[in-house]
Amino acid sequence: MERQQQLDDITAMNTSLQAGYNVAIHHLQNITQQSQIELAEELKKNEDLSVELIAVENQKRAQFDAYQAELAPMEHFKKRYEELRKGNEKSKRLLHIEKQNHLKTKNMLLKSAQKLVKLKQQYKQNVAALQTDAKKKNDKIKAYQDDLAEVS
């Protein structure tokens, strides 16, 4: 009888374990099913967000393309501005060179004028010296003529 009691206890325990196992399996199936539902909902949300993101990206690309199209004609002006700016820099450089050349010419003219003034002063001194010499010679000639007139 004791053996029968042990068998009954084991059977009861086995039945209890089987019932607990069934409850756990059922509970896990419910959790799995709920997780699959939630996962499907998340996937749907992600798909919706992906579609929205693609739409926004396409819209931004279209805006960018439109902006590029607006800027395309301005590239000509930008290039022209750059050419003018470079030309202006070249003109400034040439103007600077021209100013330097003008200053050099002005300095050369100033030096030439100073030399001319010195030469003019030397000329006047030479003329004065020649006039003085000529006057002395004329005086000598007059003195000789006077001496000749007295002798004759």
C-alpha atoms as a PDB file:
ATOM      1  CA  MET A   1       0.000   0.000   0.000  1.00  0.00           C
ATOM      2  CA  GLU A   2       2.787   2.285   0.703  1.00  0.00           C
ATOM      3  CA  ARG A   3       3.986   1.748  -2.778  1.00  0.00           C
ATOM      4  CA  GLN A   4       0.562   2.605  -4.109  1.00  0.00           C
ATOM      5  CA  GLN A   5       0.658   5.773  -2.035  1.00  0.00           C
ATOM      6  CA  GLN A   6       4.016   6.707  -3.495  1.00  0.00           C
ATOM      7  CA  LEU A   7       2.705   6.002  -6.990  1.00  0.00           C
ATOM      8  CA  ASP A   8      -0.354   8.141  -6.337  1.00  0.00           C
ATOM      9  CA  ASP A   9       1.832  10.926  -4.964  1.00  0.00           C
ATOM     10  CA  ILE A  10       4.131  10.721  -7.980  1.00  0.00           C
ATOM     11  CA  THR A  11       1.134  10.669 -10.334  1.00  0.00           C
ATOM     12  CA  ALA A  12      -0.412  13.675  -8.562  1.00  0.00           C
ATOM     13  CA  MET A  13       2.878  15.495  -8.677  1.00  0.00           C
ATOM     14  CA  ASN A  14       3.316  14.579 -12.351  1.00  0.00           C
ATOM     15  CA  THR A  15      -0.210  15.791 -13.121  1.00  0.00           C
ATOM     16  CA  SER A  16       0.471  18.991 -11.215  1.00  0.00           C
ATOM     17  CA  LEU A  17       3.759  19.478 -13.060  1.00  0.00           C
ATOM     18  CA  GLN A  18       2.053  18.706 -16.378  1.00  0.00           C
ATOM     19  CA  ALA A  19      -0.644  21.288 -15.587  1.00  0.00           C
ATOM     20  CA  GLY A  20       2.013  23.858 -14.604  1.00  0.00           C
ATOM     21  CA  TYR A  21       3.949  23.015 -17.742  1.00  0.00           C
ATOM     22  CA  ASN A  22       0.809  23.467 -19.856  1.00  0.00           C
ATOM     23  CA  VAL A  23       0.067  26.799 -18.153  1.00  0.00           C
ATOM     24  CA  ALA A  24       3.664  27.932 -18.739  1.00  0.00           C
ATOM     25  CA  ILE A  25       3.525  26.826 -22.403  1.00  0.00           C
ATOM     26  CA  HIS A  26       0.199  28.610 -22.852  1.00  0.00           C
ATOM     27  CA  HIS A  27       1.583  31.712 -21.141  1.00  0.00           C
ATOM     28  CA  LEU A  28       4.712  31.634 -23.356  1.00  0.00           C
ATOM     29  CA  GLN A  29       2.537  31.212 -26.440  1.00  0.00           C
ATOM     30  CA  ASN A  30       0.496  34.252 -25.367  1.00  0.00           C
ATOM     31  CA  ILE A  31       3.682  36.269 -24.764  1.00  0.00           C
ATOM     32  CA  THR A  32       5.098  35.162 -28.127  1.00  0.00           C
ATOM     33  CA  GLN A  33       1.852  35.993 -29.885  1.00  0.00           C
ATOM     34  CA  GLN A  34       1.697  39.415 -28.160  1.00  0.00           C
ATOM     35  CA  SER A  35       5.361  40.065 -29.029  1.00  0.00           C
ATOM     36  CA  GLN A  36       4.693  39.140 -32.653  1.00  0.00           C
ATOM     37  CA  ILE A  37       1.744  41.555 -32.721  1.00  0.00           C
ATOM     38  CA  GLU A  38       3.849  44.333 -31.155  1.00  0.00           C
ATOM     39  CA  LEU A  39       6.712  43.566 -33.532  1.00  0.00           C
ATOM     40  CA  ALA A  40       4.358  43.708 -36.514  1.00  0.00           C
ATOM     41  CA  GLU A  41       3.046  47.072 -35.260  1.00  0.00           C
ATOM     42  CA  GLU A  42       6.622  48.373 -34.840  1.00  0.00           C
ATOM     43  CA  LEU A  43       7.518  47.139 -38.328  1.00  0.00           C
ATOM     44  CA  LYS A  44       4.473  48.928 -39.713  1.00  0.00           C
ATOM     45  CA  LYS A  45       5.483  52.131 -37.871  1.00  0.00           C
ATOM     46  CA  ASN A  46       9.046  51.788 -39.171  1.00  0.00           C
ATOM     47  CA  GLU A  47       7.779  51.246 -42.703  1.00  0.00           C
ATOM     48  CA  ASP A  48       5.561  54.322 -42.371  1.00  0.00           C
ATOM     49  CA  LEU A  49       8.497  56.325 -41.000  1.00  0.00           C
ATOM     50  CA  SER A  50      10.723  55.050 -43.807  1.00  0.00           C
ATOM     51  CA  VAL A  51       8.143  56.126 -46.362  1.00  0.00           C
ATOM     52  CA  GLU A  52       7.897  59.548 -44.681  1.00  0.00           C
ATOM     53  CA  LEU A  53      11.677  59.807 -44.497  1.00  0.00           C
ATOM     54  CA  ILE A  54      12.036  58.929 -48.176  1.00  0.00           C
ATOM     55  CA  ALA A  55       9.344  61.491 -49.025  1.00  0.00           C
ATOM     56  CA  VAL A  56      11.123  64.180 -46.973  1.00  0.00           C
ATOM     57  CA  GLU A  57      14.472  63.231 -48.517  1.00  0.00           C
ATOM     58  CA  ASN A  58      12.980  63.434 -52.014  1.00  0.00           C
ATOM     59  CA  GLN A  59      11.436  66.800 -51.167  1.00  0.00           C
ATOM     60  CA  LYS A  60      14.770  68.119 -49.860  1.00  0.00           C
ATOM     61  CA  ARG A  61      16.572  66.788 -52.945  1.00  0.00           C
ATOM     62  CA  ALA A  62      13.972  68.501 -55.163  1.00  0.00           C
ATOM     63  CA  GLN A  63      14.455  71.752 -53.214  1.00  0.00           C
ATOM     64  CA  PHE A  64      18.214  71.421 -53.553  1.00  0.00           C
ATOM     65  CA  ASP A  65      17.933  70.733 -57.281  1.00  0.00           C
ATOM     66  CA  ALA A  66      15.654  73.768 -57.655  1.00  0.00           C
ATOM     67  CA  TYR A  67      18.160  75.861 -55.708  1.00  0.00           C
ATOM     68  CA  GLN A  68      20.980  74.596 -57.924  1.00  0.00           C
ATOM     69  CA  ALA A  69      18.889  75.438 -60.986  1.00  0.00           C
ATOM     70  CA  GLU A  70      18.400  78.976 -59.620  1.00  0.00           C
ATOM     71  CA  LEU A  71      22.118  79.340 -58.988  1.00  0.00           C
ATOM     72  CA  ALA A  72      23.206  78.015 -62.375  1.00  0.00           C
ATOM     73  CA  PRO A  73      22.643  81.335 -64.213  1.00  0.00           C
ATOM     74  CA  MET A  74      24.430  83.135 -61.400  1.00  0.00           C
ATOM     75  CA  GLU A  75      27.562  81.060 -62.002  1.00  0.00           C
ATOM     76  CA  HIS A  76      28.109  83.142 -65.139  1.00  0.00           C
ATOM     77  CA  PHE A  77      27.973  86.309 -63.038  1.00  0.00           C
ATOM     78  CA  LYS A  78      30.224  84.769 -60.417  1.00  0.00           C
ATOM     79  CA  LYS A  79      32.782  83.853 -63.075  1.00  0.00           C
ATOM     80  CA  ARG A  80      32.470  87.315 -64.624  1.00  0.00           C
ATOM     81  CA  TYR A  81      32.890  88.916 -61.191  1.00  0.00           C
ATOM     82  CA  GLU A  82      35.996  86.810 -60.580  1.00  0.00           C
ATOM     83  CA  GLU A  83      37.378  87.831 -63.979  1.00  0.00           C
ATOM     84  CA  LEU A  84      36.640  91.494 -63.237  1.00  0.00           C
ATOM     85  CA  ARG A  85      38.155  91.205 -59.773  1.00  0.00           C
ATOM     86  CA  LYS A  86      41.281  89.621 -61.225  1.00  0.00           C
ATOM     87  CA  GLY A  87      41.321  92.283 -63.948  1.00  0.00           C
ATOM     88  CA  ASN A  88      40.873  94.951 -61.288  1.00  0.00           C
ATOM     89  CA  GLU A  89      43.781  93.506 -59.313  1.00  0.00           C
ATOM     90  CA  LYS A  90      45.859  93.476 -62.496  1.00  0.00           C
ATOM     91  CA  SER A  91      44.800  97.072 -63.217  1.00  0.00           C
ATOM     92  CA  LYS A  92      45.746  98.064 -59.682  1.00  0.00           C
ATOM     93  CA  ARG A  93      49.110  96.376 -60.098  1.00  0.00           C
ATOM     94  CA  LEU A  94      49.643  98.095 -63.463  1.00  0.00           C
ATOM     95  CA  LEU A  95      48.539 101.418 -61.977  1.00  0.00           C
ATOM     96  CA  HIS A  96      51.009 100.912 -59.135  1.00  0.00           C
ATOM     97  CA  ILE A  97      53.778 100.156 -61.649  1.00  0.00           C
ATOM     98  CA  GLU A  98      52.747 103.205 -63.682  1.00  0.00           C
ATOM     99  CA  LYS A  99      52.884 105.372 -60.543  1.00  0.00           C
ATOM    100  CA  GLN A 100      56.339 104.018 -59.741  1.00  0.00           C
ATOM    101  CA  ASN A 101      57.479 104.740 -63.293  1.00  0.00           C
ATOM    102  CA  HIS A 102      55.960 108.220 -63.039  1.00  0.00           C
ATOM    103  CA  LEU A 103      57.848 108.828 -59.784  1.00  0.00           C
ATOM    104  CA  LYS A 104      61.081 107.572 -61.354  1.00  0.00           C
ATOM    105  CA  THR A 105      60.539 109.853 -64.360  1.00  0.00           C
ATOM    106  CA  LYS A 106      59.715 112.751 -62.046  1.00  0.00           C
ATOM    107  CA  ASN A 107      62.899 112.108 -60.045  1.00  0.00           C
ATOM    108  CA  MET A 108      64.943 111.877 -63.244  1.00  0.00           C
ATOM    109  CA  LEU A 109      63.418 115.160 -64.478  1.00  0.00           C
ATOM    110  CA  LEU A 110      64.136 116.776 -61.116  1.00  0.00           C
ATOM    111  CA  LYS A 111      67.770 115.624 -61.258  1.00  0.00           C
ATOM    112  CA  SER A 112      68.008 116.821 -64.859  1.00  0.00           C
ATOM    113  CA  ALA A 113      66.557 120.187 -63.849  1.00  0.00           C
ATOM    114  CA  GLN A 114      69.066 120.432 -60.998  1.00  0.00           C
ATOM    115  CA  LYS A 115      71.902 119.603 -63.409  1.00  0.00           C
ATOM    116  CA  LEU A 116      70.526 122.204 -65.819  1.00  0.00           C
ATOM    117  CA  VAL A 117      70.511 124.821 -63.056  1.00  0.00           C
ATOM    118  CA  LYS A 118      74.133 123.939 -62.219  1.00  0.00           C
ATOM    119  CA  LEU A 119      75.100 124.037 -65.899  1.00  0.00           C
ATOM    120  CA  LYS A 120      73.327 127.391 -66.283  1.00  0.00           C
ATOM    121  CA  GLN A 121      75.215 128.736 -63.272  1.00  0.00           C
ATOM    122  CA  GLN A 122      78.495 127.416 -64.702  1.00  0.00           C
ATOM    123  CA  TYR A 123      77.570 128.948 -68.075  1.00  0.00           C
ATOM    124  CA  LYS A 124      76.880 132.298 -66.430  1.00  0.00           C
ATOM    125  CA  GLN A 125      80.175 132.054 -64.549  1.00  0.00           C
ATOM    126  CA  ASN A 126      81.995 131.109 -67.760  1.00  0.00           C
ATOM    127  CA  VAL A 127      80.305 133.957 -69.661  1.00  0.00           C
ATOM    128  CA  ALA A 128      81.181 136.358 -66.864  1.00  0.00           C
ATOM    129  CA  ALA A 129      84.773 135.074 -66.873  1.00  0.00           C
ATOM    130  CA  LEU A 130      84.915 135.386 -70.685  1.00  0.00           C
ATOM    131  CA  GLN A 131      83.458 138.894 -70.508  1.00  0.00           C
ATOM    132  CA  THR A 132      85.998 139.788 -67.895  1.00  0.00           C
ATOM    133  CA  ASP A 133      88.781 138.316 -70.075  1.00  0.00           C
ATOM    134  CA  ALA A 134      87.387 140.071 -73.151  1.00  0.00           C
ATOM    135  CA  LYS A 135      87.215 143.367 -71.256  1.00  0.00           C
ATOM    136  CA  LYS A 136      90.806 142.922 -70.094  1.00  0.00           C
ATOM    137  CA  LYS A 137      91.898 142.097 -73.640  1.00  0.00           C
ATOM    138  CA  ASN A 138      89.903 145.041 -74.997  1.00  0.00           C
ATOM    139  CA  ASP A 139      91.514 147.238 -72.390  1.00  0.00           C
ATOM    140  CA  LYS A 140      94.945 145.896 -73.433  1.00  0.00           C
ATOM    141  CA  ILE A 141      94.093 146.412 -77.101  1.00  0.00           C
ATOM    142  CA  LYS A 142      92.938 149.953 -76.342  1.00  0.00           C
ATOM    143  CA  ALA A 143      96.081 150.524 -74.347  1.00  0.00           C
ATOM    144  CA  TYR A 144      98.184 149.258 -77.285  1.00  0.00           C
ATOM    145  CA  GLN A 145      96.165 151.399 -79.677  1.00  0.00           C
ATOM    146  CA  ASP A 146      96.662 154.386 -77.431  1.00  0.00           C
ATOM    147  CA  ASP A 147     100.379 153.596 -77.230  1.00  0.00           C
ATOM    148  CA  LEU A 148     100.499 153.287 -81.021  1.00  0.00           C
ATOM    149  CA  ALA A 149      98.679 156.541 -81.450  1.00  0.00           C
ATOM    150  CA  GLU A 150     101.141 158.250 -79.188  1.00  0.00           C
ATOM    151  CA  VAL A 151     104.065 156.702 -80.974  1.00  0.00           C
ATOM    152  CA  SER A 152     102.812 157.735 -84.350  1.00  0.00           C
END
